[in-house]
Amino acid sequence: MKPEKAKDLIELTQDELVVKLQKFREELHKLRFDSKSGRVEKPDQIGITKKNIARILTVLREKTNAN
């Protein structure tokens, strides 16, 4: 998984952003679970996923404040 670009996220609708947010939260949950059990292959994915969640929340907040 790669980091999302903010300019790509801005182009998405609010519904699409909510779906992406849900997907990333599920992925973070899975990564944390695997981390605790010692099965995570790339530990840096946790940080990347958290940053993606933060980017999506920021874009969603900007869109709601603009309306």
PDB file of N, CA and C in Angstrom:
ATOM      1  N   MET A   1       0.847  -1.170   0.000  1.00  0.00           N
ATOM      2  CA  MET A   1       0.000   0.000   0.000  1.00  0.00           C
ATOM      3  C   MET A   1       0.894   1.235   0.000  1.00  0.00           C
ATOM      4  N   LYS A   2       0.504   2.198  -0.771  1.00  0.00           N
ATOM      5  CA  LYS A   2       1.295   3.422  -0.877  1.00  0.00           C
ATOM      6  C   LYS A   2       0.536   4.584  -0.254  1.00  0.00           C
ATOM      7  N   PRO A   3       1.259   5.633   0.101  1.00  0.00           N
ATOM      8  CA  PRO A   3       0.571   6.811   0.651  1.00  0.00           C
ATOM      9  C   PRO A   3      -0.315   7.471  -0.397  1.00  0.00           C
ATOM     10  N   GLU A   4      -1.461   7.919   0.047  1.00  0.00           N
ATOM     11  CA  GLU A   4      -2.388   8.632  -0.835  1.00  0.00           C
ATOM     12  C   GLU A   4      -1.918  10.069  -1.006  1.00  0.00           C
ATOM     13  N   LYS A   5      -2.132  10.620  -2.176  1.00  0.00           N
ATOM     14  CA  LYS A   5      -1.808  12.017  -2.429  1.00  0.00           C
ATOM     15  C   LYS A   5      -3.025  12.869  -2.077  1.00  0.00           C
ATOM     16  N   ALA A   6      -2.794  13.982  -1.419  1.00  0.00           N
ATOM     17  CA  ALA A   6      -3.896  14.851  -1.009  1.00  0.00           C
ATOM     18  C   ALA A   6      -4.628  15.409  -2.221  1.00  0.00           C
ATOM     19  N   LYS A   7      -3.887  15.716  -3.283  1.00  0.00           N
ATOM     20  CA  LYS A   7      -4.549  16.288  -4.464  1.00  0.00           C
ATOM     21  C   LYS A   7      -5.465  15.263  -5.135  1.00  0.00           C
ATOM     22  N   ASP A   8      -5.144  13.979  -5.008  1.00  0.00           N
ATOM     23  CA  ASP A   8      -6.035  12.946  -5.549  1.00  0.00           C
ATOM     24  C   ASP A   8      -7.280  12.802  -4.689  1.00  0.00           C
ATOM     25  N   LEU A   9      -7.120  12.963  -3.381  1.00  0.00           N
ATOM     26  CA  LEU A   9      -8.253  12.821  -2.474  1.00  0.00           C
ATOM     27  C   LEU A   9      -9.231  13.976  -2.613  1.00  0.00           C
ATOM     28  N   ILE A  10      -8.733  15.167  -2.919  1.00  0.00           N
ATOM     29  CA  ILE A  10      -9.603  16.333  -3.054  1.00  0.00           C
ATOM     30  C   ILE A  10     -10.605  16.148  -4.189  1.00  0.00           C
ATOM     31  N   GLU A  11     -10.204  15.407  -5.218  1.00  0.00           N
ATOM     32  CA  GLU A  11     -11.062  15.208  -6.385  1.00  0.00           C
ATOM     33  C   GLU A  11     -12.204  14.238  -6.126  1.00  0.00           C
ATOM     34  N   LEU A  12     -12.134  13.460  -5.043  1.00  0.00           N
ATOM     35  CA  LEU A  12     -13.167  12.471  -4.744  1.00  0.00           C
ATOM     36  C   LEU A  12     -14.363  13.127  -4.057  1.00  0.00           C
ATOM     37  N   THR A  13     -15.515  12.466  -4.176  1.00  0.00           N
ATOM     38  CA  THR A  13     -16.711  12.954  -3.488  1.00  0.00           C
ATOM     39  C   THR A  13     -16.654  12.546  -2.017  1.00  0.00           C
ATOM     40  N   GLN A  14     -17.549  13.117  -1.221  1.00  0.00           N
ATOM     41  CA  GLN A  14     -17.568  12.797   0.205  1.00  0.00           C
ATOM     42  C   GLN A  14     -17.906  11.324   0.439  1.00  0.00           C
ATOM     43  N   ASP A  15     -18.799  10.774  -0.356  1.00  0.00           N
ATOM     44  CA  ASP A  15     -19.165   9.367  -0.201  1.00  0.00           C
ATOM     45  C   ASP A  15     -17.979   8.457  -0.505  1.00  0.00           C
ATOM     46  N   GLU A  16     -17.235   8.782  -1.539  1.00  0.00           N
ATOM     47  CA  GLU A  16     -16.057   7.986  -1.883  1.00  0.00           C
ATOM     48  C   GLU A  16     -14.994   8.085  -0.790  1.00  0.00           C
ATOM     49  N   LEU A  17     -14.861   9.260  -0.212  1.00  0.00           N
ATOM     50  CA  LEU A  17     -13.895   9.441   0.868  1.00  0.00           C
ATOM     51  C   LEU A  17     -14.285   8.631   2.101  1.00  0.00           C
ATOM     52  N   VAL A  18     -15.567   8.591   2.392  1.00  0.00           N
ATOM     53  CA  VAL A  18     -16.038   7.815   3.544  1.00  0.00           C
ATOM     54  C   VAL A  18     -15.761   6.329   3.332  1.00  0.00           C
ATOM     55  N   VAL A  19     -15.961   5.851   2.117  1.00  0.00           N
ATOM     56  CA  VAL A  19     -15.685   4.444   1.802  1.00  0.00           C
ATOM     57  C   VAL A  19     -14.195   4.155   1.958  1.00  0.00           C
ATOM     58  N   LYS A  20     -13.346   5.052   1.440  1.00  0.00           N
ATOM     59  CA  LYS A  20     -11.896   4.883   1.574  1.00  0.00           C
ATOM     60  C   LYS A  20     -11.482   4.916   3.043  1.00  0.00           C
ATOM     61  N   LEU A  21     -12.081   5.802   3.805  1.00  0.00           N
ATOM     62  CA  LEU A  21     -11.769   5.910   5.225  1.00  0.00           C
ATOM     63  C   LEU A  21     -12.096   4.602   5.943  1.00  0.00           C
ATOM     64  N   GLN A  22     -13.244   4.052   5.648  1.00  0.00           N
ATOM     65  CA  GLN A  22     -13.642   2.777   6.247  1.00  0.00           C
ATOM     66  C   GLN A  22     -12.650   1.678   5.884  1.00  0.00           C
ATOM     67  N   LYS A  23     -12.225   1.657   4.626  1.00  0.00           N
ATOM     68  CA  LYS A  23     -11.267   0.640   4.163  1.00  0.00           C
ATOM     69  C   LYS A  23      -9.944   0.765   4.901  1.00  0.00           C
ATOM     70  N   PHE A  24      -9.461   2.002   5.058  1.00  0.00           N
ATOM     71  CA  PHE A  24      -8.187   2.211   5.743  1.00  0.00           C
ATOM     72  C   PHE A  24      -8.289   1.896   7.231  1.00  0.00           C
ATOM     73  N   ARG A  25      -9.428   2.175   7.847  1.00  0.00           N
ATOM     74  CA  ARG A  25      -9.594   1.851   9.269  1.00  0.00           C
ATOM     75  C   ARG A  25      -9.605   0.335   9.474  1.00  0.00           C
ATOM     76  N   GLU A  26     -10.241  -0.391   8.569  1.00  0.00           N
ATOM     77  CA  GLU A  26     -10.227  -1.852   8.657  1.00  0.00           C
ATOM     78  C   GLU A  26      -8.805  -2.387   8.459  1.00  0.00           C
ATOM     79  N   GLU A  27      -8.086  -1.796   7.507  1.00  0.00           N
ATOM     80  CA  GLU A  27      -6.705  -2.204   7.257  1.00  0.00           C
ATOM     81  C   GLU A  27      -5.831  -1.937   8.481  1.00  0.00           C
ATOM     82  N   LEU A  28      -6.009  -0.791   9.128  1.00  0.00           N
ATOM     83  CA  LEU A  28      -5.238  -0.460  10.323  1.00  0.00           C
ATOM     84  C   LEU A  28      -5.540  -1.452  11.443  1.00  0.00           C
ATOM     85  N   HIS A  29      -6.802  -1.798  11.590  1.00  0.00           N
ATOM     86  CA  HIS A  29      -7.187  -2.781  12.613  1.00  0.00           C
ATOM     87  C   HIS A  29      -6.484  -4.110  12.354  1.00  0.00           C
ATOM     88  N   LYS A  30      -6.485  -4.539  11.109  1.00  0.00           N
ATOM     89  CA  LYS A  30      -5.839  -5.799  10.738  1.00  0.00           C
ATOM     90  C   LYS A  30      -4.332  -5.726  10.978  1.00  0.00           C
ATOM     91  N   LEU A  31      -3.716  -4.610  10.602  1.00  0.00           N
ATOM     92  CA  LEU A  31      -2.277  -4.460  10.794  1.00  0.00           C
ATOM     93  C   LEU A  31      -1.902  -4.461  12.278  1.00  0.00           C
ATOM     94  N   ARG A  32      -2.711  -3.797  13.094  1.00  0.00           N
ATOM     95  CA  ARG A  32      -2.434  -3.778  14.531  1.00  0.00           C
ATOM     96  C   ARG A  32      -2.569  -5.165  15.130  1.00  0.00           C
ATOM     97  N   PHE A  33      -3.568  -5.903  14.697  1.00  0.00           N
ATOM     98  CA  PHE A  33      -3.762  -7.259  15.185  1.00  0.00           C
ATOM     99  C   PHE A  33      -2.580  -8.137  14.785  1.00  0.00           C
ATOM    100  N   ASP A  34      -2.174  -8.041  13.515  1.00  0.00           N
ATOM    101  CA  ASP A  34      -1.034  -8.826  13.047  1.00  0.00           C
ATOM    102  C   ASP A  34       0.256  -8.413  13.750  1.00  0.00           C
ATOM    103  N   SER A  35       0.381  -7.138  14.068  1.00  0.00           N
ATOM    104  CA  SER A  35       1.566  -6.645  14.760  1.00  0.00           C
ATOM    105  C   SER A  35       1.682  -7.264  16.148  1.00  0.00           C
ATOM    106  N   LYS A  36       0.570  -7.337  16.847  1.00  0.00           N
ATOM    107  CA  LYS A  36       0.583  -7.908  18.195  1.00  0.00           C
ATOM    108  C   LYS A  36       0.884  -9.405  18.172  1.00  0.00           C
ATOM    109  N   SER A  37       0.477 -10.074  17.111  1.00  0.00           N
ATOM    110  CA  SER A  37       0.738 -11.508  17.024  1.00  0.00           C
ATOM    111  C   SER A  37       2.063 -11.804  16.330  1.00  0.00           C
ATOM    112  N   GLY A  38       2.772 -10.756  15.900  1.00  0.00           N
ATOM    113  CA  GLY A  38       4.098 -10.936  15.320  1.00  0.00           C
ATOM    114  C   GLY A  38       4.110 -11.385  13.875  1.00  0.00           C
ATOM    115  N   ARG A  39       3.026 -11.170  13.148  1.00  0.00           N
ATOM    116  CA  ARG A  39       2.948 -11.633  11.765  1.00  0.00           C
ATOM    117  C   ARG A  39       3.013 -10.518  10.740  1.00  0.00           C
ATOM    118  N   VAL A  40       3.298  -9.312  11.135  1.00  0.00           N
ATOM    119  CA  VAL A  40       3.299  -8.207  10.186  1.00  0.00           C
ATOM    120  C   VAL A  40       4.614  -8.239   9.396  1.00  0.00           C
ATOM    121  N   GLU A  41       4.487  -8.167   8.075  1.00  0.00           N
ATOM    122  CA  GLU A  41       5.664  -8.239   7.216  1.00  0.00           C
ATOM    123  C   GLU A  41       6.348  -6.885   7.096  1.00  0.00           C
ATOM    124  N   LYS A  42       5.544  -5.825   6.983  1.00  0.00           N
ATOM    125  CA  LYS A  42       6.085  -4.479   6.829  1.00  0.00           C
ATOM    126  C   LYS A  42       5.507  -3.589   7.926  1.00  0.00           C
ATOM    127  N   PRO A  43       6.242  -3.406   9.015  1.00  0.00           N
ATOM    128  CA  PRO A  43       5.718  -2.606  10.118  1.00  0.00           C
ATOM    129  C   PRO A  43       5.483  -1.147   9.756  1.00  0.00           C
ATOM    130  N   ASP A  44       6.141  -0.642   8.729  1.00  0.00           N
ATOM    131  CA  ASP A  44       5.946   0.754   8.335  1.00  0.00           C
ATOM    132  C   ASP A  44       4.568   0.989   7.731  1.00  0.00           C
ATOM    133  N   GLN A  45       3.863  -0.069   7.360  1.00  0.00           N
ATOM    134  CA  GLN A  45       2.522   0.063   6.799  1.00  0.00           C
ATOM    135  C   GLN A  45       1.545   0.660   7.811  1.00  0.00           C
ATOM    136  N   ILE A  46       1.797   0.429   9.095  1.00  0.00           N
ATOM    137  CA  ILE A  46       0.920   0.982  10.124  1.00  0.00           C
ATOM    138  C   ILE A  46       0.969   2.507  10.068  1.00  0.00           C
ATOM    139  N   GLY A  47       2.161   3.057   9.989  1.00  0.00           N
ATOM    140  CA  GLY A  47       2.314   4.510   9.917  1.00  0.00           C
ATOM    141  C   GLY A  47       1.727   5.094   8.655  1.00  0.00           C
ATOM    142  N   ILE A  48       1.942   4.415   7.530  1.00  0.00           N
ATOM    143  CA  ILE A  48       1.402   4.882   6.252  1.00  0.00           C
ATOM    144  C   ILE A  48      -0.118   4.887   6.297  1.00  0.00           C
ATOM    145  N   THR A  49      -0.708   3.852   6.862  1.00  0.00           N
ATOM    146  CA  THR A  49      -2.163   3.762   6.954  1.00  0.00           C
ATOM    147  C   THR A  49      -2.725   4.852   7.867  1.00  0.00           C
ATOM    148  N   LYS A  50      -2.058   5.109   8.983  1.00  0.00           N
ATOM    149  CA  LYS A  50      -2.511   6.169   9.889  1.00  0.00           C
ATOM    150  C   LYS A  50      -2.456   7.529   9.208  1.00  0.00           C
ATOM    151  N   LYS A  51      -1.419   7.767   8.429  1.00  0.00           N
ATOM    152  CA  LYS A  51      -1.301   9.043   7.718  1.00  0.00           C
ATOM    153  C   LYS A  51      -2.367   9.168   6.636  1.00  0.00           C
ATOM    154  N   ASN A  52      -2.680   8.050   5.965  1.00  0.00           N
ATOM    155  CA  ASN A  52      -3.748   8.078   4.964  1.00  0.00           C
ATOM    156  C   ASN A  52      -5.084   8.422   5.611  1.00  0.00           C
ATOM    157  N   ILE A  53      -5.345   7.861   6.782  1.00  0.00           N
ATOM    158  CA  ILE A  53      -6.580   8.157   7.505  1.00  0.00           C
ATOM    159  C   ILE A  53      -6.627   9.643   7.857  1.00  0.00           C
ATOM    160  N   ALA A  54      -5.510  10.172   8.322  1.00  0.00           N
ATOM    161  CA  ALA A  54      -5.460  11.592   8.688  1.00  0.00           C
ATOM    162  C   ALA A  54      -5.687  12.478   7.465  1.00  0.00           C
ATOM    163  N   ARG A  55      -5.116  12.114   6.327  1.00  0.00           N
ATOM    164  CA  ARG A  55      -5.315  12.896   5.101  1.00  0.00           C
ATOM    165  C   ARG A  55      -6.783  12.903   4.691  1.00  0.00           C
ATOM    166  N   ILE A  56      -7.414  11.743   4.754  1.00  0.00           N
ATOM    167  CA  ILE A  56      -8.819  11.647   4.362  1.00  0.00           C
ATOM    168  C   ILE A  56      -9.688  12.471   5.304  1.00  0.00           C
ATOM    169  N   LEU A  57      -9.415  12.385   6.609  1.00  0.00           N
ATOM    170  CA  LEU A  57     -10.197  13.166   7.571  1.00  0.00           C
ATOM    171  C   LEU A  57     -10.013  14.658   7.340  1.00  0.00           C
ATOM    172  N   THR A  58      -8.809  15.073   6.988  1.00  0.00           N
ATOM    173  CA  THR A  58      -8.551  16.485   6.713  1.00  0.00           C
ATOM    174  C   THR A  58      -9.337  16.959   5.498  1.00  0.00           C
ATOM    175  N   VAL A  59      -9.322  16.167   4.433  1.00  0.00           N
ATOM    176  CA  VAL A  59     -10.043  16.539   3.212  1.00  0.00           C
ATOM    177  C   VAL A  59     -11.543  16.562   3.474  1.00  0.00           C
ATOM    178  N   LEU A  60     -12.044  15.586   4.229  1.00  0.00           N
ATOM    179  CA  LEU A  60     -13.470  15.580   4.569  1.00  0.00           C
ATOM    180  C   LEU A  60     -13.849  16.808   5.374  1.00  0.00           C
ATOM    181  N   ARG A  61     -13.006  17.189   6.318  1.00  0.00           N
ATOM    182  CA  ARG A  61     -13.288  18.363   7.139  1.00  0.00           C
ATOM    183  C   ARG A  61     -13.283  19.623   6.292  1.00  0.00           C
ATOM    184  N   GLU A  62     -12.337  19.715   5.355  1.00  0.00           N
ATOM    185  CA  GLU A  62     -12.286  20.885   4.463  1.00  0.00           C
ATOM    186  C   GLU A  62     -13.541  20.965   3.591  1.00  0.00           C
ATOM    187  N   LYS A  63     -14.004  19.815   3.115  1.00  0.00           N
ATOM    188  CA  LYS A  63     -15.192  19.808   2.262  1.00  0.00           C
ATOM    189  C   LYS A  63     -16.444  20.194   3.054  1.00  0.00           C
ATOM    190  N   THR A  64     -16.562  19.745   4.301  1.00  0.00           N
ATOM    191  CA  THR A  64     -17.734  20.108   5.087  1.00  0.00           C
ATOM    192  C   THR A  64     -17.695  21.571   5.499  1.00  0.00           C
ATOM    193  N   ASN A  65     -16.519  22.102   5.757  1.00  0.00           N
ATOM    194  CA  ASN A  65     -16.418  23.516   6.111  1.00  0.00           C
ATOM    195  C   ASN A  65     -16.662  24.404   4.914  1.00  0.00           C
ATOM    196  N   ALA A  66     -16.361  23.932   3.709  1.00  0.00           N
ATOM    197  CA  ALA A  66     -16.574  24.721   2.503  1.00  0.00           C
ATOM    198  C   ALA A  66     -18.068  24.829   2.182  1.00  0.00           C
ATOM    199  N   ASN A  67     -18.838  23.825   2.561  1.00  0.00           N
ATOM    200  CA  ASN A  67     -20.281  23.832   2.278  1.00  0.00           C
ATOM    201  C   ASN A  67     -20.989  24.585   3.313  1.00  0.00           C
TER     202      ASN A  67
END
